[in-house]
Amino acid sequence: MEVSRLRAYLERAHWPRLQMSLIVLMTGAIGFLASYSMLSSGLQAMWLRYPLAAGLAYLAFMVLLWTWARTHGRDFWDNFDLPDFGSGSNSSGGYSPQWQSGGGQSGGGGASSWFDRPSSMSSRGANSSGGDWSPVEALDDAIWVLVALIVAAVALLAMGWVIWIAPGLMAELLLDVALAGGLYRRLRKIESRHWLSTVLRRTALPFLGVALMAGLAGYAGAHYAPGADSIGDVIAAHAAR
């Protein structure tokens, strides 16, 4: 009951999906910077670097959500007319969509978060000029392009899912943080739950899927363009073919 009312109030007055979009964009930027920093430090394996960057981006996503809840919490409860709930209420009641699809979706950082700077590499395109067309090579190219499209689609669906559930997620998060911090006295009758469990329950599987897809993209890119250490290198190799 209380989560449903909070969700309705957020949608009416606070544009939660727009705010979540900004958080997702910031998460993606942090993932990009993490990948770039690891590349500059000598970690060139894309299949390893991209999932690590996704994991760091997810940690940043959780910090950003906690910061949002703490920043808006006091002003929110001061302006929100919340009734005195009975002791049988549950903080997760009402609106609680769950992640049910297979594969990865995420908030957090999108597919563009790990497009690093191109670096010097041995291009396979140089050897293809003047050669005869081979159906086997064409099929191989098509397979890896299909893999890239699947990874991009999963990342876009991930971002869309996190943005779509933003009103319910933010409502639960505000309630959990208020209960934990004692921001609203009348909420003490409601069963409390740690805010981190709410975030993990709603977003862990999508982010895990994105991390796996990022690793697959790195592996596919390294196979398609040996010597590449970033998606930018793979794109350059594809353009030179």
Protein backbone atom coordinates (compact mmCIF):
# COMPACT_ATOMS: atom_id res chain seq x y z
CA MET A 1 0.00 0.00 0.00
CA GLU A 2 2.63 2.54 1.05
CA VAL A 3 4.94 1.73 -1.86
CA SER A 4 2.07 2.19 -4.32
CA ARG A 5 1.29 5.63 -2.89
CA LEU A 6 4.95 6.62 -2.94
CA ARG A 7 5.26 5.44 -6.53
CA ALA A 8 2.21 7.44 -7.60
CA TYR A 9 3.53 10.54 -5.85
CA LEU A 10 6.95 10.19 -7.48
CA GLU A 11 5.44 9.79 -10.94
CA ARG A 12 3.22 12.82 -10.39
CA ALA A 13 5.76 15.23 -8.94
CA HIS A 14 9.36 14.07 -9.39
CA TRP A 15 9.89 12.57 -12.89
CA PRO A 16 11.56 9.36 -11.58
CA ARG A 17 12.26 7.88 -15.02
CA LEU A 18 14.05 11.03 -16.11
CA GLN A 19 16.14 10.99 -12.95
CA MET A 20 16.92 7.31 -13.44
CA SER A 21 17.96 8.04 -17.04
CA LEU A 22 20.52 10.52 -15.74
CA ILE A 23 21.77 7.97 -13.19
CA VAL A 24 22.10 5.34 -15.95
CA LEU A 25 24.04 7.78 -18.14
CA MET A 26 26.39 8.56 -15.27
CA THR A 27 26.81 4.83 -14.65
CA GLY A 28 27.74 4.28 -18.28
CA ALA A 29 30.27 7.10 -18.16
CA ILE A 30 31.87 5.58 -15.07
CA GLY A 31 32.06 2.21 -16.82
CA PHE A 32 33.76 3.84 -19.79
CA LEU A 33 36.30 5.60 -17.57
CA ALA A 34 36.95 2.37 -15.66
CA SER A 35 37.61 0.47 -18.89
CA TYR A 36 39.85 3.23 -20.22
CA SER A 37 41.82 3.35 -16.96
CA MET A 38 42.36 -0.41 -16.99
CA LEU A 39 43.46 -0.27 -20.63
CA SER A 40 45.92 2.51 -19.84
CA SER A 41 47.23 0.40 -16.96
CA GLY A 42 48.04 -2.47 -19.30
CA LEU A 43 44.94 -4.69 -19.11
CA GLN A 44 44.36 -5.28 -22.82
CA ALA A 45 42.17 -8.40 -22.77
CA MET A 46 38.71 -7.14 -23.69
CA TRP A 47 36.96 -10.31 -22.50
CA LEU A 48 38.23 -9.60 -18.98
CA ARG A 49 38.32 -5.81 -18.93
CA TYR A 50 34.75 -5.21 -20.04
CA PRO A 51 33.06 -7.36 -17.35
CA LEU A 52 35.29 -5.76 -14.72
CA ALA A 53 34.26 -2.33 -15.97
CA ALA A 54 30.61 -3.42 -15.82
CA GLY A 55 31.08 -4.54 -12.22
CA LEU A 56 32.64 -1.23 -11.23
CA ALA A 57 29.84 0.60 -13.01
CA TYR A 58 27.29 -1.39 -11.00
CA LEU A 59 28.96 -0.41 -7.75
CA ALA A 60 28.81 3.20 -8.88
CA PHE A 61 25.13 2.72 -9.79
CA MET A 62 24.33 1.57 -6.26
CA VAL A 63 26.25 4.49 -4.76
CA LEU A 64 24.38 6.92 -7.02
CA LEU A 65 21.02 5.46 -5.99
CA TRP A 66 21.92 5.66 -2.29
CA THR A 67 23.08 9.26 -2.75
CA TRP A 68 19.83 10.11 -4.51
CA ALA A 69 17.75 8.57 -1.72
CA ARG A 70 19.71 10.31 1.05
CA THR A 71 19.67 13.65 -0.76
CA HIS A 72 15.95 13.63 -1.51
CA GLY A 73 14.79 11.70 1.55
CA ARG A 74 14.29 14.45 4.12
CA ASP A 75 12.66 16.92 1.73
CA PHE A 76 10.47 14.15 0.35
CA TRP A 77 9.09 13.02 3.70
CA ASP A 78 8.56 16.60 4.81
CA ASN A 79 6.31 17.23 1.79
CA PHE A 80 4.62 13.83 1.51
CA ASP A 81 1.44 13.34 3.56
CA LEU A 82 1.85 9.75 4.69
CA PRO A 83 -0.85 8.12 6.85
CA ASP A 84 -0.08 6.25 10.04
CA PHE A 85 0.34 2.64 8.94
CA GLY A 86 -0.53 -0.38 11.00
CA SER A 87 2.03 -2.82 12.30
CA GLY A 88 1.11 -5.44 9.68
CA SER A 89 2.36 -3.43 6.73
CA ASN A 90 5.29 -4.49 4.63
CA SER A 91 7.67 -2.06 2.97
CA SER A 92 7.68 -4.06 -0.25
CA GLY A 93 3.89 -4.17 -0.69
CA GLY A 94 2.14 -2.81 -3.74
CA TYR A 95 4.16 -2.30 -6.84
CA SER A 96 7.01 -4.78 -7.17
CA PRO A 97 7.88 -5.80 -10.74
CA GLN A 98 10.52 -8.46 -10.94
CA TRP A 99 13.08 -9.34 -13.54
CA GLN A 100 11.78 -12.44 -15.26
CA SER A 101 13.44 -12.51 -18.67
CA GLY A 102 16.55 -14.49 -19.38
CA GLY A 103 19.71 -12.77 -20.47
CA GLY A 104 21.08 -9.52 -19.20
CA GLN A 105 19.48 -6.21 -18.71
CA SER A 106 20.85 -3.42 -16.62
CA GLY A 107 20.92 -0.11 -15.39
CA GLY A 108 23.61 0.94 -15.35
CA GLY A 109 26.12 1.23 -17.90
CA GLY A 110 25.10 0.66 -21.66
CA ALA A 111 26.94 -0.94 -24.53
CA SER A 112 28.69 2.33 -25.37
CA SER A 113 30.27 2.46 -21.92
CA TRP A 114 33.28 0.41 -22.98
CA PHE A 115 34.16 1.99 -26.36
CA ASP A 116 37.78 2.78 -25.66
CA ARG A 117 40.31 4.71 -27.65
CA PRO A 118 41.66 2.94 -30.75
CA SER A 119 45.23 1.74 -30.43
CA SER A 120 47.82 0.44 -32.83
CA MET A 121 47.15 -3.09 -34.00
CA SER A 122 47.83 -5.44 -36.88
CA SER A 123 44.83 -5.03 -39.18
CA ARG A 124 43.40 -8.03 -40.89
CA GLY A 125 41.91 -5.76 -43.53
CA ALA A 126 45.27 -5.18 -45.16
CA ASN A 127 45.49 -8.82 -46.14
CA SER A 128 42.01 -8.90 -47.65
CA SER A 129 42.63 -6.40 -50.44
CA GLY A 130 42.85 -8.02 -53.82
CA GLY A 131 41.82 -11.46 -52.47
CA ASP A 132 38.97 -13.57 -53.79
CA TRP A 133 35.64 -13.49 -52.03
CA SER A 134 35.14 -16.47 -49.75
CA PRO A 135 31.70 -17.56 -48.51
CA VAL A 136 33.31 -19.02 -45.39
CA GLU A 137 34.88 -15.67 -44.50
CA ALA A 138 31.61 -13.90 -45.28
CA LEU A 139 29.72 -16.25 -42.95
CA ASP A 140 32.34 -15.73 -40.24
CA ASP A 141 31.96 -11.96 -40.55
CA ALA A 142 28.17 -12.24 -40.41
CA ILE A 143 28.32 -14.35 -37.23
CA TRP A 144 30.44 -11.85 -35.35
CA VAL A 145 28.35 -8.92 -36.57
CA LEU A 146 25.28 -10.79 -35.30
CA VAL A 147 26.97 -11.26 -31.92
CA ALA A 148 27.64 -7.52 -31.75
CA LEU A 149 24.01 -6.73 -32.56
CA ILE A 150 22.78 -9.12 -29.86
CA VAL A 151 25.08 -7.55 -27.29
CA ALA A 152 23.88 -4.06 -28.23
CA ALA A 153 20.23 -5.15 -28.06
CA VAL A 154 20.71 -6.70 -24.61
CA ALA A 155 22.38 -3.55 -23.32
CA LEU A 156 19.57 -1.34 -24.66
CA LEU A 157 16.93 -3.61 -23.12
CA ALA A 158 18.84 -3.48 -19.84
CA MET A 159 18.81 0.30 -19.75
CA GLY A 160 15.16 0.36 -20.75
CA TRP A 161 14.23 -2.09 -17.97
CA VAL A 162 15.98 -0.12 -15.23
CA ILE A 163 14.41 3.13 -16.43
CA TRP A 164 10.96 1.53 -16.69
CA ILE A 165 10.96 0.19 -13.12
CA ALA A 166 12.38 3.46 -11.75
CA PRO A 167 9.17 4.66 -10.01
CA GLY A 168 8.72 1.45 -8.02
CA LEU A 169 12.43 1.01 -7.32
CA MET A 170 12.86 4.59 -6.12
CA ALA A 171 9.73 4.40 -3.97
CA GLU A 172 11.00 1.28 -2.20
CA LEU A 173 14.45 2.80 -1.88
CA LEU A 174 13.11 5.96 -0.26
CA LEU A 175 11.09 3.88 2.17
CA ASP A 176 14.04 1.62 3.06
CA VAL A 177 16.41 4.55 3.61
CA ALA A 178 13.81 6.39 5.69
CA LEU A 179 13.28 3.35 7.89
CA ALA A 180 17.00 2.75 8.32
CA GLY A 181 17.79 6.37 9.11
CA GLY A 182 14.72 7.18 11.20
CA LEU A 183 13.78 10.03 8.87
CA TYR A 184 10.09 9.57 9.50
CA ARG A 185 8.88 8.57 12.96
CA ARG A 186 5.53 7.13 11.92
CA LEU A 187 7.28 4.65 9.62
CA ARG A 188 8.75 2.77 12.56
CA LYS A 189 5.73 0.47 12.63
CA ILE A 190 6.58 -0.84 9.16
CA GLU A 191 8.90 -3.81 8.75
CA SER A 192 12.28 -2.47 7.64
CA ARG A 193 14.57 -3.88 5.02
CA HIS A 194 18.07 -2.82 4.00
CA TRP A 195 18.11 -0.60 0.92
CA LEU A 196 20.90 -2.69 -0.65
CA SER A 197 18.70 -5.80 -0.73
CA THR A 198 16.05 -3.82 -2.63
CA VAL A 199 18.54 -2.63 -5.23
CA LEU A 200 20.08 -6.08 -5.66
CA ARG A 201 16.70 -7.77 -5.93
CA ARG A 202 15.59 -5.41 -8.69
CA THR A 203 18.78 -4.86 -10.69
CA ALA A 204 21.43 -7.54 -9.99
CA LEU A 205 20.34 -9.95 -12.75
CA PRO A 206 20.18 -7.25 -15.45
CA PHE A 207 23.64 -5.99 -14.56
CA LEU A 208 25.00 -9.53 -14.43
CA GLY A 209 23.61 -10.12 -17.90
CA VAL A 210 25.27 -6.95 -19.17
CA ALA A 211 28.60 -8.03 -17.65
CA LEU A 212 28.35 -11.41 -19.38
CA MET A 213 27.40 -9.81 -22.68
CA ALA A 214 30.29 -7.37 -22.33
CA GLY A 215 32.68 -10.29 -21.86
CA LEU A 216 31.18 -12.01 -24.91
CA ALA A 217 31.58 -8.83 -26.93
CA GLY A 218 35.23 -8.61 -25.89
CA TYR A 219 35.84 -12.24 -26.83
CA ALA A 220 34.08 -11.85 -30.18
CA GLY A 221 35.99 -8.65 -30.93
CA ALA A 222 39.34 -10.29 -30.19
CA HIS A 223 38.45 -13.23 -32.44
CA TYR A 224 37.25 -10.99 -35.25
CA ALA A 225 40.25 -8.64 -35.11
CA PRO A 226 43.30 -10.30 -33.51
CA GLY A 227 45.44 -7.71 -31.78
CA ALA A 228 42.52 -5.39 -30.98
CA ASP A 229 42.32 -4.15 -27.43
CA SER A 230 39.16 -2.03 -27.71
CA ILE A 231 35.88 -1.95 -29.59
CA GLY A 232 37.24 1.06 -31.47
CA ASP A 233 39.97 -1.18 -32.87
CA VAL A 234 37.41 -3.77 -33.93
CA ILE A 235 35.34 -1.14 -35.74
CA ALA A 236 38.45 0.16 -37.48
CA ALA A 237 39.38 -3.37 -38.57
CA HIS A 238 35.88 -3.97 -39.90
CA ALA A 239 35.96 -0.72 -41.88
CA ALA A 240 39.30 -1.71 -43.41
CA ARG A 241 38.10 -5.11 -44.61
